[in-house]
Protein backbone atom coordinates (compact mmCIF):
# COMPACT_ATOMS: atom_id res chain seq x y z
CA MET A 1 -99.03 15.61 -14.48
CA ALA A 2 -96.88 17.40 -16.97
CA ASN A 3 -95.64 19.73 -14.23
CA GLU A 4 -94.51 16.95 -11.92
CA PRO A 5 -90.74 16.70 -11.50
CA THR A 6 -89.19 13.68 -13.14
CA HIS A 7 -87.00 11.34 -11.12
CA GLU A 8 -83.55 10.96 -12.65
CA GLU A 9 -80.55 9.08 -11.39
CA PRO A 10 -77.93 11.43 -9.92
CA SER A 11 -74.98 11.89 -12.21
CA PHE A 12 -71.46 11.22 -11.01
CA LEU A 13 -70.88 14.98 -11.09
CA GLU A 14 -73.28 15.26 -8.18
CA ALA A 15 -71.07 13.01 -6.06
CA PRO A 16 -68.32 15.35 -4.82
CA TRP A 17 -66.17 12.54 -3.43
CA LEU A 18 -66.11 10.81 -6.81
CA CYS A 19 -65.21 14.06 -8.57
CA ARG A 20 -62.30 14.53 -6.18
CA GLN A 21 -61.13 10.96 -6.77
CA VAL A 22 -61.21 11.36 -10.56
CA GLU A 23 -59.55 14.77 -10.43
CA THR A 24 -56.81 13.53 -8.08
CA HIS A 25 -56.14 10.49 -10.29
CA LEU A 26 -55.98 12.57 -13.47
CA ASN A 27 -53.70 15.18 -11.90
CA HIS A 28 -51.40 12.48 -10.47
CA ASP A 29 -51.08 10.70 -13.84
CA SER A 30 -50.59 13.99 -15.65
CA PHE A 31 -47.85 15.02 -13.21
CA ARG A 32 -46.07 11.67 -13.57
CA HIS A 33 -46.29 11.84 -17.35
CA SER A 34 -44.97 15.40 -17.54
CA SER A 35 -42.21 14.56 -15.06
CA ARG A 36 -41.10 11.61 -17.18
CA LYS A 37 -41.16 13.77 -20.30
CA ARG A 38 -39.07 16.48 -18.63
CA PHE A 39 -36.54 13.94 -17.34
CA HIS A 40 -36.30 12.22 -20.74
CA HIS A 41 -35.81 15.56 -22.48
CA TRP A 42 -33.12 16.65 -19.99
CA ALA A 43 -31.31 13.29 -20.04
CA TRP A 44 -31.36 12.92 -23.82
CA ASN A 45 -30.04 16.45 -24.29
CA LYS A 46 -27.13 15.74 -21.92
CA ILE A 47 -26.36 12.43 -23.62
CA HIS A 48 -26.77 13.79 -27.14
CA LEU A 49 -24.60 16.81 -26.38
CA GLU A 50 -21.84 14.52 -25.08
CA MET A 51 -22.05 12.55 -28.34
CA HIS A 52 -21.57 15.63 -30.50
CA LYS A 53 -19.47 17.80 -28.22
CA PRO A 54 -17.55 15.50 -25.84
CA GLU A 55 -16.68 17.10 -22.52
CA GLN A 56 -16.03 13.87 -20.58
CA ARG A 57 -19.21 14.12 -18.51
CA LEU A 58 -19.63 11.71 -15.60
CA PHE A 59 -21.54 9.14 -17.67
CA SER A 60 -19.25 9.25 -20.73
CA THR A 61 -17.31 6.15 -19.61
CA TRP A 62 -20.38 4.05 -18.79
CA ALA A 63 -21.00 1.02 -21.02
CA VAL A 64 -24.63 2.03 -21.65
CA TYR A 65 -23.51 5.46 -22.85
CA LYS A 66 -20.85 3.94 -25.11
CA PHE A 67 -23.48 1.63 -26.63
CA LEU A 68 -25.86 4.54 -27.28
CA ALA A 69 -22.99 6.64 -28.68
CA ARG A 70 -22.06 3.87 -31.13
CA TYR A 71 -25.70 3.40 -32.08
CA HIS A 72 -26.17 7.12 -32.66
CA TRP A 73 -22.88 7.39 -34.55
CA LEU A 74 -24.10 4.67 -36.93
CA HIS A 75 -27.31 6.68 -37.42
CA HIS A 76 -25.24 9.59 -38.73
CA ARG A 77 -23.20 7.26 -40.95
CA TYR A 78 -26.30 5.45 -42.27
CA GLN A 79 -29.05 8.05 -42.01
CA ASN A 80 -31.89 5.69 -42.89
CA LYS A 81 -31.00 3.43 -39.95
CA ASN A 82 -30.86 3.54 -36.14
CA PHE A 83 -33.60 6.12 -35.63
CA ASN A 84 -34.46 5.24 -32.05
CA GLY A 85 -31.52 6.20 -29.86
CA VAL A 86 -33.43 5.63 -26.63
CA PHE A 87 -35.07 2.30 -27.46
CA PRO A 88 -32.86 0.56 -30.06
CA LEU A 89 -34.94 -2.63 -29.93
CA ALA A 90 -37.62 -0.77 -31.91
CA ASP A 91 -35.19 -0.37 -34.84
CA TYR A 92 -34.36 -4.07 -34.67
CA VAL A 93 -38.05 -5.02 -34.74
CA LEU A 94 -38.79 -2.57 -37.58
CA GLY A 95 -35.73 -3.64 -39.61
CA THR A 96 -34.04 -0.23 -39.43
CA SER A 97 -30.98 -1.13 -37.35
CA ALA A 98 -27.47 -0.82 -38.76
CA ARG A 99 -24.57 -3.05 -37.79
CA ALA A 100 -21.01 -1.79 -37.73
CA ASN A 101 -18.66 -3.22 -40.34
CA THR A 102 -14.86 -3.42 -40.00
CA ALA A 103 -14.32 0.12 -41.31
CA ASP A 104 -16.95 1.45 -38.88
CA LEU A 105 -15.26 -0.32 -35.97
CA GLN A 106 -11.89 1.19 -36.91
CA LEU A 107 -13.39 4.69 -36.99
CA MET A 108 -15.13 4.06 -33.68
CA GLN A 109 -11.79 2.98 -32.22
CA GLN A 110 -10.25 6.29 -33.30
CA ILE A 111 -12.94 8.38 -31.61
CA GLY A 112 -13.06 6.24 -28.46
CA ILE A 113 -16.47 4.60 -28.68
CA ALA A 114 -15.53 1.18 -30.07
CA PRO A 115 -17.02 -1.82 -28.33
CA PRO A 116 -14.60 -3.61 -25.98
CA TRP A 117 -14.52 -6.75 -28.14
CA SER A 118 -13.50 -4.87 -31.31
CA GLY A 119 -9.90 -4.31 -30.21
CA ARG A 120 -9.10 -8.01 -29.95
């Protein structure tokens, strides 16, 4: 009886349709993830470049851009603050967000990124 074949449950690798499903799912998620990473990298480089070397790109007048530019500018002024230029809420939650004081607002006004309410 030692030479009799043993009966084992088939593994999922023996089910070609399941392998294709898993492979398709993994490839789809991987593609989406790498696409998001590429877009984020491209977008942040465009935004960051506009912050340091203004060329009046299409988005440079948008309110969201102005907010991110102010936030990033404060990071350079207070280097231990405002680390997360893409998701500023994280700095707020972690206690690393900086708020602009009167002198900061005046400097922001000079370089054209002051918030709309600061000129009142």
